[in-house]
Amino acid sequence: MKKHFFLLMICLSAIFMMSCNNEDRAIRHMCQYIHNHYPLATLQDVYKTCYQDFFGAEHLMNDTAAARYYINYELEQCRDTDLSLMPQREPTGFRHRFTRINFSNIVEGELTEEQLVMMFINAAGKDNAYCDDWLAEWQKIEKIAIKTVPEWKDAELQSELMNAAEHKYAVRHSEAFRNNYNPHYRIVMND
């Protein structure tokens, strides 16, 4: 009986270690993707995509009229903006639980504004959190991100992001990201 229990414990430990290694690998891959596709991105942009992936769309937004208004307003503001600097669709974080839908989908006729509004509303205002411990999640992501892309190390920013994670605060994209990649998108649930 002890031998079977011991073997069971070894198997469970191996499965746990493999899942951790897969998660670490996924975080590294995400960081490499961000660094390769957005070389001016900062650790703040990693935080943003991981936060979106962890919590979901628009952080408990549930006002349909406001969602329509704000999407319409932002669409009008970005009509003369180069929206091709970001992909039309891009997964969030390293788990890819949600997708960023670029407003270029509307401008190019791939989606109507109403379709994007409905996709956004269907993803927003729900408790989409992956689990309860965002702080532990961010600590792990940050550690791997800094090892993967050492130039992201910034003690002041890291402290600000750790404080945000502790209080489960969302952040904006970094100024460098906003100025260079024109992020105009909404988060929707993956089908």
C-alpha atoms as a PDB file:
ATOM      1  CA  MET A   1       0.000   0.000   0.000  1.00  0.00           C
ATOM      2  CA  LYS A   2       2.830   2.399   0.867  1.00  0.00           C
ATOM      3  CA  LYS A   3       4.482   1.654  -2.472  1.00  0.00           C
ATOM      4  CA  HIS A   4       1.278   2.593  -4.392  1.00  0.00           C
ATOM      5  CA  PHE A   5       0.866   5.773  -2.358  1.00  0.00           C
ATOM      6  CA  PHE A   6       4.504   6.692  -3.017  1.00  0.00           C
ATOM      7  CA  LEU A   7       4.083   6.115  -6.766  1.00  0.00           C
ATOM      8  CA  LEU A   8       0.871   8.158  -6.777  1.00  0.00           C
ATOM      9  CA  MET A   9       2.656  11.032  -5.043  1.00  0.00           C
ATOM     10  CA  ILE A  10       5.499  10.909  -7.582  1.00  0.00           C
ATOM     11  CA  CYS A  11       3.011  10.979 -10.467  1.00  0.00           C
ATOM     12  CA  LEU A  12       1.075  13.901  -8.985  1.00  0.00           C
ATOM     13  CA  SER A  13       4.309  15.810  -8.343  1.00  0.00           C
ATOM     14  CA  ALA A  14       5.442  15.217 -11.922  1.00  0.00           C
ATOM     15  CA  ILE A  15       2.111  16.441 -13.308  1.00  0.00           C
ATOM     16  CA  PHE A  16       2.273  19.558 -11.131  1.00  0.00           C
ATOM     17  CA  MET A  17       5.867  20.284 -12.176  1.00  0.00           C
ATOM     18  CA  MET A  18       5.011  19.803 -15.858  1.00  0.00           C
ATOM     19  CA  SER A  19       2.056  22.193 -15.585  1.00  0.00           C
ATOM     20  CA  CYS A  20       4.276  24.785 -13.859  1.00  0.00           C
ATOM     21  CA  ASN A  21       6.918  24.404 -16.541  1.00  0.00           C
ATOM     22  CA  ASN A  22       4.270  24.784 -19.256  1.00  0.00           C
ATOM     23  CA  GLU A  23       2.976  27.937 -17.581  1.00  0.00           C
ATOM     24  CA  ASP A  24       6.496  29.358 -17.234  1.00  0.00           C
ATOM     25  CA  ARG A  25       7.148  28.541 -20.892  1.00  0.00           C
ATOM     26  CA  ALA A  26       3.887  30.254 -21.903  1.00  0.00           C
ATOM     27  CA  ILE A  27       4.872  33.383 -19.945  1.00  0.00           C
ATOM     28  CA  ARG A  28       8.324  33.438 -21.590  1.00  0.00           C
ATOM     29  CA  HIS A  29       6.746  32.970 -25.022  1.00  0.00           C
ATOM     30  CA  MET A  30       4.303  35.836 -24.364  1.00  0.00           C
ATOM     31  CA  CYS A  31       7.163  38.109 -23.263  1.00  0.00           C
ATOM     32  CA  GLN A  32       9.198  37.246 -26.349  1.00  0.00           C
ATOM     33  CA  TYR A  33       6.157  37.897 -28.556  1.00  0.00           C
ATOM     34  CA  ILE A  34       5.562  41.305 -26.957  1.00  0.00           C
ATOM     35  CA  HIS A  35       9.234  42.252 -27.180  1.00  0.00           C
ATOM     36  CA  ASN A  36       9.486  41.150 -30.837  1.00  0.00           C
ATOM     37  CA  HIS A  37       6.222  42.741 -32.014  1.00  0.00           C
ATOM     38  CA  TYR A  38       6.288  45.820 -29.775  1.00  0.00           C
ATOM     39  CA  PRO A  39       9.955  46.616 -29.123  1.00  0.00           C
ATOM     40  CA  LEU A  40       9.028  49.869 -27.353  1.00  0.00           C
ATOM     41  CA  ALA A  41       6.662  48.107 -24.932  1.00  0.00           C
ATOM     42  CA  THR A  42       7.451  48.175 -21.232  1.00  0.00           C
ATOM     43  CA  LEU A  43       6.674  45.936 -18.290  1.00  0.00           C
ATOM     44  CA  GLN A  44       3.521  48.047 -17.877  1.00  0.00           C
ATOM     45  CA  ASP A  45       2.226  46.661 -21.187  1.00  0.00           C
ATOM     46  CA  VAL A  46       2.937  43.120 -20.021  1.00  0.00           C
ATOM     47  CA  TYR A  47       0.953  43.885 -16.856  1.00  0.00           C
ATOM     48  CA  LYS A  48      -1.931  45.267 -18.946  1.00  0.00           C
ATOM     49  CA  THR A  49      -2.292  42.234 -21.215  1.00  0.00           C
ATOM     50  CA  CYS A  50      -1.935  39.810 -18.312  1.00  0.00           C
ATOM     51  CA  TYR A  51      -4.450  41.772 -16.243  1.00  0.00           C
ATOM     52  CA  GLN A  52      -6.886  41.641 -19.162  1.00  0.00           C
ATOM     53  CA  ASP A  53      -6.303  37.908 -19.496  1.00  0.00           C
ATOM     54  CA  PHE A  54      -6.758  37.350 -15.760  1.00  0.00           C
ATOM     55  CA  PHE A  55      -9.837  39.528 -15.158  1.00  0.00           C
ATOM     56  CA  GLY A  56     -11.490  39.819 -18.555  1.00  0.00           C
ATOM     57  CA  ALA A  57     -13.195  42.673 -20.299  1.00  0.00           C
ATOM     58  CA  GLU A  58     -13.354  46.217 -19.009  1.00  0.00           C
ATOM     59  CA  HIS A  59     -13.222  45.293 -15.355  1.00  0.00           C
ATOM     60  CA  LEU A  60     -16.899  44.943 -14.438  1.00  0.00           C
ATOM     61  CA  MET A  61     -18.314  47.407 -16.979  1.00  0.00           C
ATOM     62  CA  ASN A  62     -22.003  46.622 -17.361  1.00  0.00           C
ATOM     63  CA  ASP A  63     -23.589  49.791 -18.771  1.00  0.00           C
ATOM     64  CA  THR A  64     -24.648  48.909 -22.318  1.00  0.00           C
ATOM     65  CA  ALA A  65     -25.402  52.492 -23.350  1.00  0.00           C
ATOM     66  CA  ALA A  66     -22.047  53.698 -22.059  1.00  0.00           C
ATOM     67  CA  ALA A  67     -20.263  50.877 -23.904  1.00  0.00           C
ATOM     68  CA  ARG A  68     -21.935  51.844 -27.178  1.00  0.00           C
ATOM     69  CA  TYR A  69     -21.193  55.515 -26.668  1.00  0.00           C
ATOM     70  CA  TYR A  70     -17.552  54.993 -25.745  1.00  0.00           C
ATOM     71  CA  ILE A  71     -16.844  52.590 -28.628  1.00  0.00           C
ATOM     72  CA  ASN A  72     -18.492  55.028 -31.037  1.00  0.00           C
ATOM     73  CA  TYR A  73     -16.532  57.937 -29.562  1.00  0.00           C
ATOM     74  CA  GLU A  74     -13.201  56.122 -29.703  1.00  0.00           C
ATOM     75  CA  LEU A  75     -13.898  54.904 -33.241  1.00  0.00           C
ATOM     76  CA  GLU A  76     -14.471  58.482 -34.376  1.00  0.00           C
ATOM     77  CA  GLN A  77     -11.246  59.576 -32.660  1.00  0.00           C
ATOM     78  CA  CYS A  78      -9.148  56.933 -34.388  1.00  0.00           C
ATOM     79  CA  ARG A  79     -10.588  57.048 -37.934  1.00  0.00           C
ATOM     80  CA  ASP A  80      -7.496  58.891 -39.220  1.00  0.00           C
ATOM     81  CA  THR A  81      -5.096  56.770 -37.162  1.00  0.00           C
ATOM     82  CA  ASP A  82      -2.884  53.994 -38.505  1.00  0.00           C
ATOM     83  CA  LEU A  83      -4.560  50.991 -36.901  1.00  0.00           C
ATOM     84  CA  SER A  84      -2.294  48.519 -38.711  1.00  0.00           C
ATOM     85  CA  LEU A  85       0.384  48.807 -36.022  1.00  0.00           C
ATOM     86  CA  MET A  86      -1.456  46.147 -34.015  1.00  0.00           C
ATOM     87  CA  PRO A  87      -2.965  42.915 -35.352  1.00  0.00           C
ATOM     88  CA  GLN A  88      -6.691  42.768 -36.067  1.00  0.00           C
ATOM     89  CA  ARG A  89      -7.038  40.096 -33.396  1.00  0.00           C
ATOM     90  CA  GLU A  90      -4.546  39.326 -30.672  1.00  0.00           C
ATOM     91  CA  PRO A  91      -4.817  37.062 -27.641  1.00  0.00           C
ATOM     92  CA  THR A  92      -4.386  38.518 -24.177  1.00  0.00           C
ATOM     93  CA  GLY A  93      -1.758  37.409 -21.679  1.00  0.00           C
ATOM     94  CA  PHE A  94      -0.255  33.946 -21.710  1.00  0.00           C
ATOM     95  CA  ARG A  95      -3.429  31.921 -21.157  1.00  0.00           C
ATOM     96  CA  HIS A  96      -5.196  33.579 -24.100  1.00  0.00           C
ATOM     97  CA  ARG A  97      -8.554  33.596 -22.336  1.00  0.00           C
ATOM     98  CA  PHE A  98      -9.665  36.745 -24.191  1.00  0.00           C
ATOM     99  CA  THR A  99      -8.912  38.423 -27.508  1.00  0.00           C
ATOM    100  CA  ARG A 100      -8.179  42.044 -28.326  1.00  0.00           C
ATOM    101  CA  ILE A 101     -10.306  43.062 -31.302  1.00  0.00           C
ATOM    102  CA  ASN A 102      -8.666  46.001 -33.080  1.00  0.00           C
ATOM    103  CA  PHE A 103     -10.986  48.759 -34.303  1.00  0.00           C
ATOM    104  CA  SER A 104      -9.434  48.160 -37.740  1.00  0.00           C
ATOM    105  CA  ASN A 105     -11.944  45.291 -37.999  1.00  0.00           C
ATOM    106  CA  ILE A 106     -14.721  47.906 -38.139  1.00  0.00           C
ATOM    107  CA  VAL A 107     -12.887  50.351 -40.395  1.00  0.00           C
ATOM    108  CA  GLU A 108     -12.108  47.548 -42.874  1.00  0.00           C
ATOM    109  CA  GLY A 109     -15.644  46.106 -42.740  1.00  0.00           C
ATOM    110  CA  GLU A 110     -14.759  42.811 -41.025  1.00  0.00           C
ATOM    111  CA  LEU A 111     -17.178  43.644 -38.197  1.00  0.00           C
ATOM    112  CA  THR A 112     -19.904  46.191 -37.707  1.00  0.00           C
ATOM    113  CA  GLU A 113     -19.744  48.540 -34.782  1.00  0.00           C
ATOM    114  CA  GLU A 114     -22.831  46.822 -33.337  1.00  0.00           C
ATOM    115  CA  GLN A 115     -21.154  43.404 -33.581  1.00  0.00           C
ATOM    116  CA  LEU A 116     -18.137  44.654 -31.638  1.00  0.00           C
ATOM    117  CA  VAL A 117     -20.384  46.312 -29.051  1.00  0.00           C
ATOM    118  CA  MET A 118     -22.290  43.058 -28.522  1.00  0.00           C
ATOM    119  CA  MET A 119     -19.098  40.969 -28.341  1.00  0.00           C
ATOM    120  CA  PHE A 120     -17.688  43.407 -25.806  1.00  0.00           C
ATOM    121  CA  ILE A 121     -20.868  43.512 -23.715  1.00  0.00           C
ATOM    122  CA  ASN A 122     -21.034  39.709 -23.695  1.00  0.00           C
ATOM    123  CA  ALA A 123     -17.518  39.632 -22.228  1.00  0.00           C
ATOM    124  CA  ALA A 124     -17.863  42.556 -19.832  1.00  0.00           C
ATOM    125  CA  GLY A 125     -19.607  42.974 -16.534  1.00  0.00           C
ATOM    126  CA  LYS A 126     -19.103  39.370 -15.493  1.00  0.00           C
ATOM    127  CA  ASP A 127     -16.852  37.855 -12.895  1.00  0.00           C
ATOM    128  CA  ASN A 128     -14.301  36.548 -15.362  1.00  0.00           C
ATOM    129  CA  ALA A 129     -11.369  36.443 -12.939  1.00  0.00           C
ATOM    130  CA  TYR A 130      -9.138  33.423 -13.390  1.00  0.00           C
ATOM    131  CA  CYS A 131      -8.726  32.996  -9.625  1.00  0.00           C
ATOM    132  CA  ASP A 132      -8.506  35.143  -6.496  1.00  0.00           C
ATOM    133  CA  ASP A 133      -4.755  35.730  -6.268  1.00  0.00           C
ATOM    134  CA  TRP A 134      -3.759  38.339  -8.856  1.00  0.00           C
ATOM    135  CA  LEU A 135      -0.814  39.489  -6.735  1.00  0.00           C
ATOM    136  CA  ALA A 136       0.824  36.033  -6.737  1.00  0.00           C
ATOM    137  CA  GLU A 137       0.107  35.697 -10.458  1.00  0.00           C
ATOM    138  CA  TRP A 138       1.738  39.058 -11.218  1.00  0.00           C
ATOM    139  CA  GLN A 139       4.767  38.299  -9.023  1.00  0.00           C
ATOM    140  CA  LYS A 140       5.413  35.152 -11.035  1.00  0.00           C
ATOM    141  CA  ILE A 141       4.860  36.896 -14.386  1.00  0.00           C
ATOM    142  CA  GLU A 142       7.121  39.814 -13.456  1.00  0.00           C
ATOM    143  CA  LYS A 143       9.954  37.523 -12.366  1.00  0.00           C
ATOM    144  CA  ILE A 144       9.863  35.576 -15.632  1.00  0.00           C
ATOM    145  CA  ALA A 145       9.367  38.739 -17.728  1.00  0.00           C
ATOM    146  CA  ILE A 146      12.483  40.403 -16.283  1.00  0.00           C
ATOM    147  CA  LYS A 147      14.540  37.258 -16.891  1.00  0.00           C
ATOM    148  CA  THR A 148      13.207  37.015 -20.444  1.00  0.00           C
ATOM    149  CA  VAL A 149      13.624  40.703 -21.347  1.00  0.00           C
ATOM    150  CA  PRO A 150      16.155  42.240 -18.915  1.00  0.00           C
ATOM    151  CA  GLU A 151      15.683  45.764 -20.312  1.00  0.00           C
ATOM    152  CA  TRP A 152      12.185  45.753 -18.795  1.00  0.00           C
ATOM    153  CA  LYS A 153      13.772  45.987 -15.359  1.00  0.00           C
ATOM    154  CA  ASP A 154      12.733  49.333 -13.860  1.00  0.00           C
ATOM    155  CA  ALA A 155      12.598  49.453 -10.057  1.00  0.00           C
ATOM    156  CA  GLU A 156      10.208  52.407  -9.882  1.00  0.00           C
ATOM    157  CA  LEU A 157       7.774  50.935 -12.431  1.00  0.00           C
ATOM    158  CA  GLN A 158       8.033  47.503 -10.843  1.00  0.00           C
ATOM    159  CA  SER A 159       7.088  49.012  -7.483  1.00  0.00           C
ATOM    160  CA  GLU A 160       4.107  50.836  -9.020  1.00  0.00           C
ATOM    161  CA  LEU A 161       2.927  47.668 -10.762  1.00  0.00           C
ATOM    162  CA  MET A 162       3.331  45.578  -7.608  1.00  0.00           C
ATOM    163  CA  ASN A 163       1.163  48.127  -5.765  1.00  0.00           C
ATOM    164  CA  ALA A 164      -1.408  47.969  -8.578  1.00  0.00           C
ATOM    165  CA  ALA A 165      -1.391  44.169  -8.419  1.00  0.00           C
ATOM    166  CA  GLU A 166      -1.800  44.190  -4.647  1.00  0.00           C
ATOM    167  CA  HIS A 167      -4.940  46.319  -5.013  1.00  0.00           C
ATOM    168  CA  LYS A 168      -6.086  44.582  -8.234  1.00  0.00           C
ATOM    169  CA  TYR A 169      -5.873  47.851 -10.185  1.00  0.00           C
ATOM    170  CA  ALA A 170      -5.910  47.992 -13.965  1.00  0.00           C
ATOM    171  CA  VAL A 171      -3.344  50.158 -15.754  1.00  0.00           C
ATOM    172  CA  ARG A 172      -3.220  51.894 -19.122  1.00  0.00           C
ATOM    173  CA  HIS A 173      -0.748  50.981 -21.806  1.00  0.00           C
ATOM    174  CA  SER A 174       2.567  52.741 -21.339  1.00  0.00           C
ATOM    175  CA  GLU A 175       2.959  56.108 -23.019  1.00  0.00           C
ATOM    176  CA  ALA A 176       5.558  54.600 -25.370  1.00  0.00           C
ATOM    177  CA  PHE A 177       3.096  51.879 -26.390  1.00  0.00           C
ATOM    178  CA  ARG A 178       0.238  54.344 -26.916  1.00  0.00           C
ATOM    179  CA  ASN A 179       2.402  56.729 -28.939  1.00  0.00           C
ATOM    180  CA  ASN A 180       3.940  54.064 -31.173  1.00  0.00           C
ATOM    181  CA  TYR A 181       1.299  51.353 -31.683  1.00  0.00           C
ATOM    182  CA  ASN A 182      -2.063  53.182 -31.571  1.00  0.00           C
ATOM    183  CA  PRO A 183      -3.922  50.637 -29.435  1.00  0.00           C
ATOM    184  CA  HIS A 184      -7.629  50.958 -30.205  1.00  0.00           C
ATOM    185  CA  TYR A 185      -9.372  47.712 -29.363  1.00  0.00           C
ATOM    186  CA  ARG A 186     -11.850  45.971 -27.101  1.00  0.00           C
ATOM    187  CA  ILE A 187     -11.469  42.737 -25.193  1.00  0.00           C
ATOM    188  CA  VAL A 188     -13.885  39.956 -26.091  1.00  0.00           C
ATOM    189  CA  MET A 189     -14.296  36.394 -24.895  1.00  0.00           C
ATOM    190  CA  ASN A 190     -12.818  33.614 -26.967  1.00  0.00           C
ATOM    191  CA  ASP A 191     -15.409  31.360 -28.523  1.00  0.00           C
END
